[in-house]
């Protein structure tokens, strides 16, 4: 049987959990790195007889997670794998407020989870798998807010813009290497998650776009986590994945 290995961050809830549940299938091995383990995911994997390992990890302290991944991949090795994929999905939104109104620790944690962690984990992933024969992919879950500014969202917007641009840079590096990895920083659409709840519940005097997010919910403009996960995983499986290192899940097939 063809074997595939996927490493997924932020898999304990929201779209990350939905992706994990859809990846629990024959021929797949799943490693989830999240703040907390998810019992329902473990039960699903056990019921299906699929390998699903979960690491409880605070990704605001990502150096230890990257070191652990480095060692784990080196021990596991690439023998028998048709593909190996890293999905950097974990995200953290700091309090919705102007920059000067956010505590330094909250800003630092948001930047670490949203940008530093994906960079460190991607570096470890690419370093260890460089000589593997398996097809290699890195999918970074970005946001439309990385491509347009929004008041009271400076940290989140900046981190996602940084994710887009570091993906462009690494895609150039990998393009010239034997079996270079394919990378894409992908905007997944607008999803009904805890982040949307946080945006709708923000102080309108501090967040001029609050009414727009309320309207999205009221008009049924949000994808469910399950719908979004299916679309993201379908994009990951596309033959042209990585052709554009920065993309939107709604982009047409080339």
C-alpha atoms as a PDB file:
ATOM      1  CA  UNK A   1       0.000   0.000   0.000  1.00  0.00           C
ATOM      2  CA  UNK A   2       1.198   3.519  -0.842  1.00  0.00           C
ATOM      3  CA  UNK A   3       2.138   5.365   2.345  1.00  0.00           C
ATOM      4  CA  UNK A   4       1.859   9.093   3.039  1.00  0.00           C
ATOM      5  CA  UNK A   5       3.090  11.054   6.056  1.00  0.00           C
ATOM      6  CA  UNK A   6       1.517  14.371   7.048  1.00  0.00           C
ATOM      7  CA  UNK A   7       2.629  16.665   9.863  1.00  0.00           C
ATOM      8  CA  UNK A   8      -0.143  19.088  10.856  1.00  0.00           C
ATOM      9  CA  UNK A   9      -0.072  21.904  13.402  1.00  0.00           C
ATOM     10  CA  UNK A  10      -3.139  23.311  15.137  1.00  0.00           C
ATOM     11  CA  UNK A  11      -5.058  20.061  14.779  1.00  0.00           C
ATOM     12  CA  UNK A  12      -7.042  20.118  18.015  1.00  0.00           C
ATOM     13  CA  UNK A  13      -9.959  22.297  16.853  1.00  0.00           C
ATOM     14  CA  UNK A  14     -11.477  24.263  13.961  1.00  0.00           C
ATOM     15  CA  UNK A  15     -10.275  23.675  10.431  1.00  0.00           C
ATOM     16  CA  UNK A  16      -7.142  21.948  11.722  1.00  0.00           C
ATOM     17  CA  UNK A  17      -9.209  19.282  13.465  1.00  0.00           C
ATOM     18  CA  UNK A  18     -11.394  18.912  10.385  1.00  0.00           C
ATOM     19  CA  UNK A  19      -8.295  18.398   8.215  1.00  0.00           C
ATOM     20  CA  UNK A  20      -6.914  15.845  10.664  1.00  0.00           C
ATOM     21  CA  UNK A  21     -10.198  13.926  10.646  1.00  0.00           C
ATOM     22  CA  UNK A  22     -10.205  13.875   6.839  1.00  0.00           C
ATOM     23  CA  UNK A  23      -6.577  12.727   6.747  1.00  0.00           C
ATOM     24  CA  UNK A  24      -7.286   9.758   9.016  1.00  0.00           C
ATOM     25  CA  UNK A  25      -7.469   7.217   6.217  1.00  0.00           C
ATOM     26  CA  UNK A  26      -5.793   4.033   5.060  1.00  0.00           C
ATOM     27  CA  UNK A  27      -2.246   4.589   3.892  1.00  0.00           C
ATOM     28  CA  UNK A  28      -1.819   7.810   5.860  1.00  0.00           C
ATOM     29  CA  UNK A  29       0.344   8.449   8.893  1.00  0.00           C
ATOM     30  CA  UNK A  30      -0.506  11.630  10.788  1.00  0.00           C
ATOM     31  CA  UNK A  31       1.559  13.611  13.286  1.00  0.00           C
ATOM     32  CA  UNK A  32      -0.384  16.440  14.950  1.00  0.00           C
ATOM     33  CA  UNK A  33       1.313  19.251  16.879  1.00  0.00           C
ATOM     34  CA  UNK A  34      -1.157  21.299  18.921  1.00  0.00           C
ATOM     35  CA  UNK A  35      -1.504  23.030  22.243  1.00  0.00           C
ATOM     36  CA  UNK A  36      -3.680  20.137  23.424  1.00  0.00           C
ATOM     37  CA  UNK A  37      -4.384  16.599  22.269  1.00  0.00           C
ATOM     38  CA  UNK A  38      -7.857  15.822  20.959  1.00  0.00           C
ATOM     39  CA  UNK A  39      -9.505  12.688  22.340  1.00  0.00           C
ATOM     40  CA  UNK A  40     -12.079  12.407  19.558  1.00  0.00           C
ATOM     41  CA  UNK A  41      -9.331  12.441  16.928  1.00  0.00           C
ATOM     42  CA  UNK A  42      -7.434   9.729  18.794  1.00  0.00           C
ATOM     43  CA  UNK A  43     -10.600   7.632  18.990  1.00  0.00           C
ATOM     44  CA  UNK A  44     -11.316   8.076  15.279  1.00  0.00           C
ATOM     45  CA  UNK A  45      -7.795   6.997  14.339  1.00  0.00           C
ATOM     46  CA  UNK A  46      -7.976   3.982  16.648  1.00  0.00           C
ATOM     47  CA  UNK A  47     -11.334   2.946  15.185  1.00  0.00           C
ATOM     48  CA  UNK A  48      -9.922   3.097  11.667  1.00  0.00           C
ATOM     49  CA  UNK A  49      -6.604   1.497  12.578  1.00  0.00           C
ATOM     50  CA  UNK A  50      -4.677   4.522  11.293  1.00  0.00           C
ATOM     51  CA  UNK A  51      -1.468   5.863  12.810  1.00  0.00           C
ATOM     52  CA  UNK A  52      -2.100   9.269  14.437  1.00  0.00           C
ATOM     53  CA  UNK A  53       0.436  10.646  16.894  1.00  0.00           C
ATOM     54  CA  UNK A  54      -0.356  13.844  18.839  1.00  0.00           C
ATOM     55  CA  UNK A  55       2.197  16.119  20.493  1.00  0.00           C
ATOM     56  CA  UNK A  56       0.917  18.677  23.023  1.00  0.00           C
ATOM     57  CA  UNK A  57       3.072  21.709  22.255  1.00  0.00           C
ATOM     58  CA  UNK A  58       2.917  25.457  22.849  1.00  0.00           C
ATOM     59  CA  UNK A  59       4.011  26.838  19.486  1.00  0.00           C
ATOM     60  CA  UNK A  60       4.809  30.215  20.985  1.00  0.00           C
ATOM     61  CA  UNK A  61       7.903  28.299  22.114  1.00  0.00           C
ATOM     62  CA  UNK A  62       8.551  26.649  18.786  1.00  0.00           C
ATOM     63  CA  UNK A  63      12.291  26.043  19.040  1.00  0.00           C
ATOM     64  CA  UNK A  64      11.732  22.895  21.097  1.00  0.00           C
ATOM     65  CA  UNK A  65       9.026  21.691  18.698  1.00  0.00           C
ATOM     66  CA  UNK A  66      11.352  22.155  15.716  1.00  0.00           C
ATOM     67  CA  UNK A  67      14.158  20.280  17.468  1.00  0.00           C
ATOM     68  CA  UNK A  68      11.790  17.443  18.376  1.00  0.00           C
ATOM     69  CA  UNK A  69      10.494  17.258  14.796  1.00  0.00           C
ATOM     70  CA  UNK A  70      14.054  17.190  13.463  1.00  0.00           C
ATOM     71  CA  UNK A  71      14.902  14.183  15.653  1.00  0.00           C
ATOM     72  CA  UNK A  72      11.579  12.418  15.021  1.00  0.00           C
ATOM     73  CA  UNK A  73      11.896  12.678  11.237  1.00  0.00           C
ATOM     74  CA  UNK A  74      15.523  11.540  11.280  1.00  0.00           C
ATOM     75  CA  UNK A  75      14.603   8.438  13.288  1.00  0.00           C
ATOM     76  CA  UNK A  76      11.511   7.712  11.202  1.00  0.00           C
ATOM     77  CA  UNK A  77      13.320   8.056   7.864  1.00  0.00           C
ATOM     78  CA  UNK A  78      11.732   8.238   4.445  1.00  0.00           C
ATOM     79  CA  UNK A  79      11.721   4.546   3.523  1.00  0.00           C
ATOM     80  CA  UNK A  80       8.434   3.391   2.045  1.00  0.00           C
ATOM     81  CA  UNK A  81       6.874   6.845   1.783  1.00  0.00           C
ATOM     82  CA  UNK A  82       5.363   8.163  -1.439  1.00  0.00           C
ATOM     83  CA  UNK A  83       4.904  11.640   0.030  1.00  0.00           C
ATOM     84  CA  UNK A  84       5.697  13.683   3.113  1.00  0.00           C
ATOM     85  CA  UNK A  85       3.842  16.908   3.833  1.00  0.00           C
ATOM     86  CA  UNK A  86       4.056  19.652   6.438  1.00  0.00           C
ATOM     87  CA  UNK A  87       0.900  21.729   6.997  1.00  0.00           C
ATOM     88  CA  UNK A  88       1.515  24.833   9.112  1.00  0.00           C
ATOM     89  CA  UNK A  89      -2.040  25.575  10.184  1.00  0.00           C
ATOM     90  CA  UNK A  90      -1.785  26.734  13.826  1.00  0.00           C
ATOM     91  CA  UNK A  91      -2.764  30.375  14.307  1.00  0.00           C
ATOM     92  CA  UNK A  92      -3.168  32.850  17.132  1.00  0.00           C
ATOM     93  CA  UNK A  93      -4.987  36.164  17.009  1.00  0.00           C
ATOM     94  CA  UNK A  94      -4.025  38.669  19.726  1.00  0.00           C
ATOM     95  CA  UNK A  95      -6.657  40.995  21.239  1.00  0.00           C
ATOM     96  CA  UNK A  96      -8.403  42.993  18.512  1.00  0.00           C
ATOM     97  CA  UNK A  97      -7.121  46.499  19.209  1.00  0.00           C
ATOM     98  CA  UNK A  98      -4.759  49.170  17.862  1.00  0.00           C
ATOM     99  CA  UNK A  99      -1.097  48.230  18.187  1.00  0.00           C
ATOM    100  CA  UNK A 100      -0.456  50.431  21.211  1.00  0.00           C
ATOM    101  CA  UNK A 101      -3.314  48.758  23.076  1.00  0.00           C
ATOM    102  CA  UNK A 102      -1.909  45.217  22.904  1.00  0.00           C
ATOM    103  CA  UNK A 103       0.386  43.881  25.619  1.00  0.00           C
ATOM    104  CA  UNK A 104       3.925  43.092  24.506  1.00  0.00           C
ATOM    105  CA  UNK A 105       3.580  39.427  25.508  1.00  0.00           C
ATOM    106  CA  UNK A 106       0.409  39.036  23.430  1.00  0.00           C
ATOM    107  CA  UNK A 107       2.116  40.582  20.405  1.00  0.00           C
ATOM    108  CA  UNK A 108       5.190  38.411  20.819  1.00  0.00           C
ATOM    109  CA  UNK A 109       3.153  35.212  21.175  1.00  0.00           C
ATOM    110  CA  UNK A 110       1.090  35.998  18.080  1.00  0.00           C
ATOM    111  CA  UNK A 111       4.185  36.619  15.972  1.00  0.00           C
ATOM    112  CA  UNK A 112       5.844  33.474  17.287  1.00  0.00           C
ATOM    113  CA  UNK A 113       2.889  31.190  16.613  1.00  0.00           C
ATOM    114  CA  UNK A 114       1.913  32.736  13.263  1.00  0.00           C
ATOM    115  CA  UNK A 115       5.366  33.282  11.751  1.00  0.00           C
ATOM    116  CA  UNK A 116       8.294  32.033  13.809  1.00  0.00           C
ATOM    117  CA  UNK A 117       6.852  28.547  14.360  1.00  0.00           C
ATOM    118  CA  UNK A 118       6.100  27.913  10.660  1.00  0.00           C
ATOM    119  CA  UNK A 119       9.597  29.057   9.712  1.00  0.00           C
ATOM    120  CA  UNK A 120      11.331  26.890  12.318  1.00  0.00           C
ATOM    121  CA  UNK A 121       9.236  23.822  11.557  1.00  0.00           C
ATOM    122  CA  UNK A 122       9.663  24.286   7.811  1.00  0.00           C
ATOM    123  CA  UNK A 123      13.418  24.586   8.240  1.00  0.00           C
ATOM    124  CA  UNK A 124      13.578  21.349  10.243  1.00  0.00           C
ATOM    125  CA  UNK A 125      11.282  19.548   7.806  1.00  0.00           C
ATOM    126  CA  UNK A 126      13.263  20.547   4.726  1.00  0.00           C
ATOM    127  CA  UNK A 127      16.633  19.845   6.321  1.00  0.00           C
ATOM    128  CA  UNK A 128      15.838  16.295   7.406  1.00  0.00           C
ATOM    129  CA  UNK A 129      13.861  15.252   4.313  1.00  0.00           C
ATOM    130  CA  UNK A 130      16.271  16.748   1.758  1.00  0.00           C
ATOM    131  CA  UNK A 131      17.631  13.358   0.708  1.00  0.00           C
ATOM    132  CA  UNK A 132      14.308  11.490   0.882  1.00  0.00           C
ATOM    133  CA  UNK A 133      12.853  10.108  -2.338  1.00  0.00           C
ATOM    134  CA  UNK A 134       9.273  10.897  -1.332  1.00  0.00           C
ATOM    135  CA  UNK A 135       7.423  13.828  -2.859  1.00  0.00           C
ATOM    136  CA  UNK A 136       7.777  16.736  -0.410  1.00  0.00           C
ATOM    137  CA  UNK A 137       5.248  19.523   0.165  1.00  0.00           C
ATOM    138  CA  UNK A 138       4.857  22.414   2.595  1.00  0.00           C
ATOM    139  CA  UNK A 139       1.426  24.007   2.903  1.00  0.00           C
ATOM    140  CA  UNK A 140       1.304  27.208   4.955  1.00  0.00           C
ATOM    141  CA  UNK A 141      -2.200  28.332   5.916  1.00  0.00           C
ATOM    142  CA  UNK A 142      -2.197  32.079   5.320  1.00  0.00           C
ATOM    143  CA  UNK A 143      -5.046  34.597   5.189  1.00  0.00           C
ATOM    144  CA  UNK A 144      -6.512  37.322   3.038  1.00  0.00           C
ATOM    145  CA  UNK A 145      -5.412  39.623   5.867  1.00  0.00           C
ATOM    146  CA  UNK A 146      -1.820  38.958   4.861  1.00  0.00           C
ATOM    147  CA  UNK A 147      -2.613  40.620   1.541  1.00  0.00           C
ATOM    148  CA  UNK A 148      -4.661  43.615   2.658  1.00  0.00           C
ATOM    149  CA  UNK A 149      -4.318  45.885   5.689  1.00  0.00           C
ATOM    150  CA  UNK A 150      -6.903  46.142   8.435  1.00  0.00           C
ATOM    151  CA  UNK A 151      -6.989  48.427  11.459  1.00  0.00           C
ATOM    152  CA  UNK A 152      -6.553  46.686  14.830  1.00  0.00           C
ATOM    153  CA  UNK A 153      -5.059  43.653  13.070  1.00  0.00           C
ATOM    154  CA  UNK A 154      -1.427  44.769  12.678  1.00  0.00           C
ATOM    155  CA  UNK A 155       0.190  41.714  14.289  1.00  0.00           C
ATOM    156  CA  UNK A 156      -1.961  39.148  12.493  1.00  0.00           C
ATOM    157  CA  UNK A 157      -1.714  40.898   9.116  1.00  0.00           C
ATOM    158  CA  UNK A 158       2.058  41.325   9.452  1.00  0.00           C
ATOM    159  CA  UNK A 159       2.620  37.692  10.416  1.00  0.00           C
ATOM    160  CA  UNK A 160       0.545  36.368   7.527  1.00  0.00           C
ATOM    161  CA  UNK A 161       2.270  38.730   5.080  1.00  0.00           C
ATOM    162  CA  UNK A 162       5.564  37.422   6.426  1.00  0.00           C
ATOM    163  CA  UNK A 163       4.361  33.851   5.913  1.00  0.00           C
ATOM    164  CA  UNK A 164       3.508  34.628   2.296  1.00  0.00           C
ATOM    165  CA  UNK A 165       6.907  36.152   1.624  1.00  0.00           C
ATOM    166  CA  UNK A 166       9.024  33.553   3.378  1.00  0.00           C
ATOM    167  CA  UNK A 167       7.154  30.929   1.350  1.00  0.00           C
ATOM    168  CA  UNK A 168       8.101  32.751  -1.849  1.00  0.00           C
ATOM    169  CA  UNK A 169      11.746  32.833  -0.789  1.00  0.00           C
ATOM    170  CA  UNK A 170      11.953  29.165   0.186  1.00  0.00           C
ATOM    171  CA  UNK A 171      10.123  28.109  -2.982  1.00  0.00           C
ATOM    172  CA  UNK A 172      12.931  29.775  -4.963  1.00  0.00           C
ATOM    173  CA  UNK A 173      15.524  27.904  -2.903  1.00  0.00           C
ATOM    174  CA  UNK A 174      13.831  24.540  -3.399  1.00  0.00           C
ATOM    175  CA  UNK A 175      13.262  25.046  -7.133  1.00  0.00           C
ATOM    176  CA  UNK A 176      16.960  24.519  -7.848  1.00  0.00           C
ATOM    177  CA  UNK A 177      17.409  21.361  -5.770  1.00  0.00           C
ATOM    178  CA  UNK A 178      16.983  17.676  -6.619  1.00  0.00           C
ATOM    179  CA  UNK A 179      13.504  16.632  -5.502  1.00  0.00           C
ATOM    180  CA  UNK A 180      12.953  20.141  -4.207  1.00  0.00           C
ATOM    181  CA  UNK A 181       9.894  20.604  -2.044  1.00  0.00           C
ATOM    182  CA  UNK A 182       6.769  22.282  -3.420  1.00  0.00           C
ATOM    183  CA  UNK A 183       5.553  25.126  -1.215  1.00  0.00           C
ATOM    184  CA  UNK A 184       2.421  27.239  -1.099  1.00  0.00           C
ATOM    185  CA  UNK A 185       1.081  29.844   1.316  1.00  0.00           C
ATOM    186  CA  UNK A 186      -2.648  29.427   0.886  1.00  0.00           C
ATOM    187  CA  UNK A 187      -5.550  31.663   1.900  1.00  0.00           C
ATOM    188  CA  UNK A 188      -8.306  29.188   2.898  1.00  0.00           C
ATOM    189  CA  UNK A 189     -11.343  31.438   2.520  1.00  0.00           C
ATOM    190  CA  UNK A 190     -13.546  32.776   5.316  1.00  0.00           C
ATOM    191  CA  UNK A 191     -14.287  30.105   7.911  1.00  0.00           C
ATOM    192  CA  UNK A 192     -16.663  29.901  10.858  1.00  0.00           C
ATOM    193  CA  UNK A 193     -14.049  29.473  13.610  1.00  0.00           C
ATOM    194  CA  UNK A 194     -13.195  30.913  17.018  1.00  0.00           C
ATOM    195  CA  UNK A 195     -11.238  33.701  15.284  1.00  0.00           C
ATOM    196  CA  UNK A 196     -14.419  34.889  13.604  1.00  0.00           C
ATOM    197  CA  UNK A 197     -16.157  34.887  16.989  1.00  0.00           C
ATOM    198  CA  UNK A 198     -13.301  36.993  18.360  1.00  0.00           C
ATOM    199  CA  UNK A 199     -13.614  39.499  15.498  1.00  0.00           C
ATOM    200  CA  UNK A 200     -17.407  39.786  15.807  1.00  0.00           C
ATOM    201  CA  UNK A 201     -17.116  40.284  19.552  1.00  0.00           C
ATOM    202  CA  UNK A 202     -14.507  43.047  19.366  1.00  0.00           C
ATOM    203  CA  UNK A 203     -15.150  46.571  20.608  1.00  0.00           C
ATOM    204  CA  UNK A 204     -16.578  48.487  17.625  1.00  0.00           C
ATOM    205  CA  UNK A 205     -14.832  51.670  18.761  1.00  0.00           C
ATOM    206  CA  UNK A 206     -11.506  49.838  18.470  1.00  0.00           C
ATOM    207  CA  UNK A 207     -12.275  47.775  15.348  1.00  0.00           C
ATOM    208  CA  UNK A 208     -13.823  49.635  12.395  1.00  0.00           C
ATOM    209  CA  UNK A 209     -14.431  46.427  10.388  1.00  0.00           C
ATOM    210  CA  UNK A 210     -16.482  44.668  13.082  1.00  0.00           C
ATOM    211  CA  UNK A 211     -19.785  45.201  11.271  1.00  0.00           C
ATOM    212  CA  UNK A 212     -18.432  43.532   8.125  1.00  0.00           C
ATOM    213  CA  UNK A 213     -17.636  40.348  10.026  1.00  0.00           C
ATOM    214  CA  UNK A 214     -21.057  40.341  11.670  1.00  0.00           C
ATOM    215  CA  UNK A 215     -22.648  40.694   8.238  1.00  0.00           C
ATOM    216  CA  UNK A 216     -20.624  37.772   6.873  1.00  0.00           C
ATOM    217  CA  UNK A 217     -22.018  35.532   9.591  1.00  0.00           C
ATOM    218  CA  UNK A 218     -25.584  36.818   9.258  1.00  0.00           C
ATOM    219  CA  UNK A 219     -25.605  36.360   5.478  1.00  0.00           C
ATOM    220  CA  UNK A 220     -24.201  32.820   5.587  1.00  0.00           C
ATOM    221  CA  UNK A 221     -20.886  33.868   4.067  1.00  0.00           C
ATOM    222  CA  UNK A 222     -18.722  31.574   6.183  1.00  0.00           C
ATOM    223  CA  UNK A 223     -17.548  28.082   5.272  1.00  0.00           C
ATOM    224  CA  UNK A 224     -17.808  25.423   7.947  1.00  0.00           C
ATOM    225  CA  UNK A 225     -14.449  24.039   9.159  1.00  0.00           C
ATOM    226  CA  UNK A 226     -15.285  20.780   7.379  1.00  0.00           C
ATOM    227  CA  UNK A 227     -16.010  22.519   4.073  1.00  0.00           C
ATOM    228  CA  UNK A 228     -12.845  24.602   4.319  1.00  0.00           C
ATOM    229  CA  UNK A 229     -10.721  21.572   5.223  1.00  0.00           C
ATOM    230  CA  UNK A 230     -11.987  19.646   2.200  1.00  0.00           C
ATOM    231  CA  UNK A 231     -11.181  22.553  -0.105  1.00  0.00           C
ATOM    232  CA  UNK A 232      -7.706  23.032   1.345  1.00  0.00           C
ATOM    233  CA  UNK A 233      -6.851  19.344   1.085  1.00  0.00           C
ATOM    234  CA  UNK A 234      -8.167  19.256  -2.487  1.00  0.00           C
ATOM    235  CA  UNK A 235      -5.877  22.194  -3.292  1.00  0.00           C
ATOM    236  CA  UNK A 236      -2.954  20.357  -1.692  1.00  0.00           C
ATOM    237  CA  UNK A 237      -3.649  17.365  -3.965  1.00  0.00           C
ATOM    238  CA  UNK A 238      -3.723  19.451  -7.155  1.00  0.00           C
ATOM    239  CA  UNK A 239      -1.175  18.634  -9.845  1.00  0.00           C
ATOM    240  CA  UNK A 240      -0.178  22.307  -9.978  1.00  0.00           C
ATOM    241  CA  UNK A 241       0.382  22.646  -6.213  1.00  0.00           C
ATOM    242  CA  UNK A 242       3.348  24.959  -5.678  1.00  0.00           C
ATOM    243  CA  UNK A 243       3.200  26.511  -9.144  1.00  0.00           C
ATOM    244  CA  UNK A 244       2.235  29.734  -7.363  1.00  0.00           C
ATOM    245  CA  UNK A 245       3.877  29.965  -3.934  1.00  0.00           C
ATOM    246  CA  UNK A 246       1.171  32.367  -2.726  1.00  0.00           C
ATOM    247  CA  UNK A 247      -2.372  31.392  -3.621  1.00  0.00           C
ATOM    248  CA  UNK A 248      -6.034  31.363  -2.632  1.00  0.00           C
ATOM    249  CA  UNK A 249      -8.059  28.182  -2.270  1.00  0.00           C
ATOM    250  CA  UNK A 250     -10.509  29.649  -4.786  1.00  0.00           C
ATOM    251  CA  UNK A 251      -7.848  29.994  -7.509  1.00  0.00           C
ATOM    252  CA  UNK A 252      -8.690  28.068 -10.720  1.00  0.00           C
ATOM    253  CA  UNK A 253      -6.683  25.003 -11.716  1.00  0.00           C
ATOM    254  CA  UNK A 254      -3.940  25.950 -14.142  1.00  0.00           C
END
